[in-house]
């Protein structure tokens, strides 16, 4: 695992975007796993800028989103369909038929989850999976105590996740209590992982995920087992890392990669 510490949110976002660029340069028809939430916004904004100003091409890209709330229609302002459309998809040239997002309104969740897994496999698997992290250390909606071999499924959200996400809704009781989510095992199947985290509120979760024991109670810790995982954090999110000096030393010694 590589840990990259950047001075602020903007630098963190630019660094993450460059990794996406490297993947697309090597494989223009890459399959990208997408995450939602406030942290990846800067990453998406930078990719949109590169598309507009540097002609970064997404025309052959296929995407799979990590998760979606159960019960929200695609045009609901807090649905992840809406989030991705407004913040990314409508600004780049990914063909609509190449965009895959879990359905929060399907009539048969088990069948849909099975189909989603099959669809990922049909597309050759995910080349790069973007991840955020919850304050309790979860990835996607794999709440504490989720199986580290879990696949796409229906999941009940924890009280902490509901509390954390309540700021996006008018009332706490409006926050859905169920979500459809890729499993930890599904995420670990991706060829490359990039986890982004920003702010002091994420510092403890980052430290546990990166330096703590691999545990189903901190599902993000499973990325320690991945063969190609990169964690990119800003200064505040790095505050509780015991090995911070070592990570900074390694990063400083790396040859600078060419920027797009």
Protein backbone atom coordinates (compact mmCIF):
# COMPACT_ATOMS: atom_id res chain seq x y z
CA UNK A 1 0.00 0.00 0.00
CA UNK A 2 1.21 3.48 -0.86
CA UNK A 3 0.18 6.38 1.36
CA UNK A 4 0.42 9.86 -0.17
CA UNK A 5 0.01 12.89 2.11
CA UNK A 6 -0.83 16.19 0.46
CA UNK A 7 -1.02 19.63 2.03
CA UNK A 8 -4.71 20.26 1.39
CA UNK A 9 -7.89 19.02 -0.26
CA UNK A 10 -7.09 20.56 -3.65
CA UNK A 11 -3.66 18.93 -3.85
CA UNK A 12 -5.13 15.61 -2.73
CA UNK A 13 -7.78 15.81 -5.47
CA UNK A 14 -5.25 16.67 -8.19
CA UNK A 15 -3.00 13.78 -7.17
CA UNK A 16 -5.90 11.33 -7.29
CA UNK A 17 -6.96 12.66 -10.69
CA UNK A 18 -3.48 12.06 -12.08
CA UNK A 19 -3.74 8.39 -11.16
CA UNK A 20 -6.99 8.18 -13.13
CA UNK A 21 -5.21 9.88 -16.05
CA UNK A 22 -2.39 7.34 -15.90
CA UNK A 23 -4.89 4.48 -16.05
CA UNK A 24 -6.71 6.02 -19.04
CA UNK A 25 -3.44 6.72 -20.85
CA UNK A 26 -2.48 3.06 -20.48
CA UNK A 27 -5.97 1.75 -21.23
CA UNK A 28 -8.41 4.16 -22.93
CA UNK A 29 -11.28 1.68 -22.50
CA UNK A 30 -10.68 1.25 -18.78
CA UNK A 31 -13.44 0.24 -16.39
CA UNK A 32 -13.65 2.77 -13.55
CA UNK A 33 -15.32 2.20 -10.20
CA UNK A 34 -16.88 5.43 -8.96
CA UNK A 35 -17.57 6.70 -5.44
CA UNK A 36 -19.90 9.43 -4.20
CA UNK A 37 -19.80 11.77 -1.23
CA UNK A 38 -18.13 15.11 -0.60
CA UNK A 39 -14.53 13.83 -0.69
CA UNK A 40 -14.38 12.67 -4.35
CA UNK A 41 -15.94 15.93 -5.60
CA UNK A 42 -12.58 17.63 -6.06
CA UNK A 43 -11.29 14.60 -7.97
CA UNK A 44 -14.26 14.74 -10.33
CA UNK A 45 -13.91 18.49 -10.78
CA UNK A 46 -10.27 18.03 -11.76
CA UNK A 47 -11.14 15.28 -14.24
CA UNK A 48 -13.82 17.52 -15.77
CA UNK A 49 -11.25 20.32 -16.08
CA UNK A 50 -8.78 17.98 -17.78
CA UNK A 51 -11.51 16.81 -20.15
CA UNK A 52 -12.38 20.39 -21.12
CA UNK A 53 -8.91 21.91 -21.20
CA UNK A 54 -6.66 18.97 -22.07
CA UNK A 55 -9.09 16.80 -24.03
CA UNK A 56 -8.93 13.90 -21.59
CA UNK A 57 -11.07 11.33 -23.38
CA UNK A 58 -13.70 9.18 -21.64
CA UNK A 59 -15.45 7.99 -24.79
CA UNK A 60 -14.42 4.36 -24.33
CA UNK A 61 -14.70 4.25 -20.53
CA UNK A 62 -17.18 2.10 -18.64
CA UNK A 63 -18.17 2.95 -15.06
CA UNK A 64 -19.64 1.13 -12.08
CA UNK A 65 -20.75 3.01 -8.99
CA UNK A 66 -20.23 1.55 -5.55
CA UNK A 67 -23.68 2.05 -4.09
CA UNK A 68 -27.09 3.70 -4.00
CA UNK A 69 -29.73 4.45 -1.39
CA UNK A 70 -32.76 2.17 -1.39
CA UNK A 71 -36.02 3.97 -2.09
CA UNK A 72 -34.70 7.08 -3.84
CA UNK A 73 -35.67 7.68 -7.45
CA UNK A 74 -32.88 8.45 -9.91
CA UNK A 75 -33.86 12.14 -10.06
CA UNK A 76 -33.97 12.59 -6.27
CA UNK A 77 -31.40 15.28 -5.34
CA UNK A 78 -29.78 12.98 -2.78
CA UNK A 79 -29.66 9.89 -4.96
CA UNK A 80 -26.25 8.84 -6.21
CA UNK A 81 -27.60 8.71 -9.76
CA UNK A 82 -28.30 12.45 -9.44
CA UNK A 83 -24.95 13.13 -7.74
CA UNK A 84 -22.93 11.45 -10.45
CA UNK A 85 -24.91 13.03 -13.27
CA UNK A 86 -24.66 16.56 -11.89
CA UNK A 87 -21.03 16.42 -10.76
CA UNK A 88 -19.42 14.26 -13.41
CA UNK A 89 -21.30 12.38 -16.09
CA UNK A 90 -22.99 15.33 -17.79
CA UNK A 91 -19.63 17.12 -18.05
CA UNK A 92 -17.60 14.37 -19.76
CA UNK A 93 -18.08 12.11 -22.79
CA UNK A 94 -18.82 8.73 -21.24
CA UNK A 95 -21.52 7.02 -23.34
CA UNK A 96 -24.76 6.68 -21.37
CA UNK A 97 -24.90 2.95 -22.08
CA UNK A 98 -21.50 2.53 -20.39
CA UNK A 99 -22.67 3.97 -17.05
CA UNK A 100 -23.73 1.48 -14.38
CA UNK A 101 -25.18 2.54 -11.01
CA UNK A 102 -27.01 0.25 -8.55
CA UNK A 103 -30.77 0.63 -8.62
CA UNK A 104 -32.42 1.85 -5.45
CA UNK A 105 -35.89 1.09 -6.76
CA UNK A 106 -35.62 -2.37 -8.29
CA UNK A 107 -38.41 -4.81 -7.52
CA UNK A 108 -35.99 -7.68 -6.94
CA UNK A 109 -32.83 -6.74 -5.04
CA UNK A 110 -31.21 -10.19 -4.89
CA UNK A 111 -31.59 -10.63 -8.66
CA UNK A 112 -30.29 -7.13 -9.34
CA UNK A 113 -27.24 -7.66 -7.12
CA UNK A 114 -26.44 -10.89 -8.94
CA UNK A 115 -26.82 -9.11 -12.29
CA UNK A 116 -24.53 -6.26 -11.16
CA UNK A 117 -21.77 -8.70 -10.28
CA UNK A 118 -22.23 -10.47 -13.61
CA UNK A 119 -22.17 -7.16 -15.48
CA UNK A 120 -18.84 -6.20 -13.87
CA UNK A 121 -17.39 -9.55 -14.91
CA UNK A 122 -18.75 -9.19 -18.48
CA UNK A 123 -16.89 -5.86 -18.78
CA UNK A 124 -13.63 -7.51 -17.75
CA UNK A 125 -13.58 -6.39 -14.13
CA UNK A 126 -12.83 -2.98 -12.65
CA UNK A 127 -9.43 -1.52 -13.52
CA UNK A 128 -9.46 1.32 -10.98
CA UNK A 129 -11.82 1.63 -8.03
CA UNK A 130 -12.15 5.04 -6.36
CA UNK A 131 -13.05 4.88 -2.68
CA UNK A 132 -13.92 7.20 0.16
CA UNK A 133 -14.02 6.24 3.82
CA UNK A 134 -16.66 6.74 6.49
CA UNK A 135 -15.89 8.10 9.94
CA UNK A 136 -16.40 4.58 11.28
CA UNK A 137 -13.95 3.15 8.74
CA UNK A 138 -16.42 1.75 6.23
CA UNK A 139 -15.94 1.63 2.45
CA UNK A 140 -18.94 1.85 0.13
CA UNK A 141 -21.82 0.97 2.48
CA UNK A 142 -19.99 -1.98 4.04
CA UNK A 143 -20.73 -1.08 7.61
CA UNK A 144 -18.76 -2.39 10.62
CA UNK A 145 -19.06 -6.19 10.94
CA UNK A 146 -19.53 -6.65 7.18
CA UNK A 147 -17.88 -9.74 5.75
CA UNK A 148 -14.56 -9.00 4.07
CA UNK A 149 -15.54 -11.43 1.32
CA UNK A 150 -18.99 -9.89 0.76
CA UNK A 151 -20.42 -9.24 -2.70
CA UNK A 152 -22.97 -6.72 -3.99
CA UNK A 153 -26.00 -6.87 -1.72
CA UNK A 154 -28.64 -5.00 0.29
CA UNK A 155 -27.23 -3.49 3.49
CA UNK A 156 -28.76 -1.84 6.56
CA UNK A 157 -26.98 1.41 7.40
CA UNK A 158 -25.51 2.03 10.83
CA UNK A 159 -26.68 4.82 13.12
CA UNK A 160 -23.36 6.62 12.65
CA UNK A 161 -23.66 6.54 8.86
CA UNK A 162 -27.23 7.81 9.04
CA UNK A 163 -26.11 10.59 11.40
CA UNK A 164 -23.17 11.48 9.15
CA UNK A 165 -25.36 11.64 6.04
CA UNK A 166 -28.22 13.53 7.69
CA UNK A 167 -26.58 16.85 6.74
CA UNK A 168 -27.53 16.17 3.13
CA UNK A 169 -31.25 15.79 3.92
CA UNK A 170 -33.82 18.22 5.28
CA UNK A 171 -34.55 15.94 8.24
CA UNK A 172 -32.65 13.05 9.77
CA UNK A 173 -35.70 10.82 9.37
CA UNK A 174 -35.50 11.36 5.61
CA UNK A 175 -32.18 9.49 5.39
CA UNK A 176 -32.77 6.00 3.93
CA UNK A 177 -31.84 3.17 6.27
CA UNK A 178 -30.98 0.69 3.51
CA UNK A 179 -28.58 0.81 0.59
CA UNK A 180 -27.47 -1.47 -2.21
CA UNK A 181 -23.69 -1.69 -2.19
CA UNK A 182 -20.75 -3.47 -3.72
CA UNK A 183 -19.26 -5.84 -1.17
CA UNK A 184 -15.74 -5.71 0.22
CA UNK A 185 -14.86 -8.76 -1.86
CA UNK A 186 -16.18 -7.05 -4.98
CA UNK A 187 -14.03 -3.99 -4.25
CA UNK A 188 -10.91 -6.08 -3.64
CA UNK A 189 -11.35 -7.69 -7.08
CA UNK A 190 -10.51 -4.34 -8.74
CA UNK A 191 -7.02 -4.24 -10.21
CA UNK A 192 -6.17 -0.94 -8.53
CA UNK A 193 -7.67 0.93 -5.56
CA UNK A 194 -7.43 4.63 -4.78
CA UNK A 195 -8.87 5.76 -1.45
CA UNK A 196 -9.20 9.50 -0.79
CA UNK A 197 -9.84 11.09 2.60
CA UNK A 198 -9.91 14.68 3.77
CA UNK A 199 -10.36 16.51 7.06
CA UNK A 200 -9.74 15.90 10.74
CA UNK A 201 -12.98 13.94 11.12
CA UNK A 202 -11.50 11.15 8.98
CA UNK A 203 -8.09 11.00 10.72
CA UNK A 204 -8.91 8.16 13.11
CA UNK A 205 -10.63 6.08 10.43
CA UNK A 206 -7.66 6.55 8.09
CA UNK A 207 -5.17 5.52 10.78
CA UNK A 208 -7.15 2.39 11.61
CA UNK A 209 -7.61 1.46 7.96
CA UNK A 210 -3.93 1.96 7.05
CA UNK A 211 -2.10 0.94 10.23
CA UNK A 212 -4.58 -1.01 12.31
CA UNK A 213 -5.37 -4.71 12.14
CA UNK A 214 -7.38 -6.00 9.21
CA UNK A 215 -10.84 -6.27 10.68
CA UNK A 216 -14.46 -6.49 9.60
CA UNK A 217 -15.12 -3.74 12.14
CA UNK A 218 -13.08 -1.36 9.95
CA UNK A 219 -13.94 -2.59 6.48
CA UNK A 220 -11.54 -0.12 4.83
CA UNK A 221 -8.70 -2.03 6.50
CA UNK A 222 -9.25 -4.76 3.90
CA UNK A 223 -7.36 -2.63 1.38
CA UNK A 224 -4.18 -3.63 3.24
CA UNK A 225 -4.58 -7.01 1.54
CA UNK A 226 -4.79 -5.53 -1.95
CA UNK A 227 -1.82 -5.83 -4.30
CA UNK A 228 -2.12 -2.26 -5.64
CA UNK A 229 -3.77 0.19 -3.27
CA UNK A 230 -3.03 3.90 -2.90
CA UNK A 231 -4.34 6.05 -0.05
CA UNK A 232 -4.29 9.80 -0.69
CA UNK A 233 -5.04 12.08 2.25
CA UNK A 234 -4.70 15.73 3.12
CA UNK A 235 -2.72 17.00 6.08
CA UNK A 236 -5.64 16.89 8.52
CA UNK A 237 -6.70 13.36 7.60
CA UNK A 238 -3.09 12.21 8.10
CA UNK A 239 -2.90 13.56 11.65
CA UNK A 240 -3.10 10.19 13.44
CA UNK A 241 -0.77 8.16 11.21
CA UNK A 242 2.13 6.79 13.29
CA UNK A 243 4.25 6.17 10.18
CA UNK A 244 3.63 9.57 8.62
CA UNK A 245 7.32 10.51 8.35
CA UNK A 246 8.05 7.24 6.56
CA UNK A 247 5.23 7.74 4.05
CA UNK A 248 6.43 11.26 3.31
CA UNK A 249 10.02 10.05 2.91
CA UNK A 250 8.98 7.38 0.41
CA UNK A 251 6.84 9.79 -1.61
CA UNK A 252 9.57 12.43 -1.71
CA UNK A 253 12.04 9.86 -3.04
CA UNK A 254 9.80 8.76 -5.91
CA UNK A 255 10.58 10.04 -9.41
CA UNK A 256 8.03 12.65 -10.40
CA UNK A 257 5.45 11.26 -12.83
CA UNK A 258 4.68 13.35 -15.93
CA UNK A 259 1.47 15.35 -15.54
CA UNK A 260 -1.31 15.37 -18.11
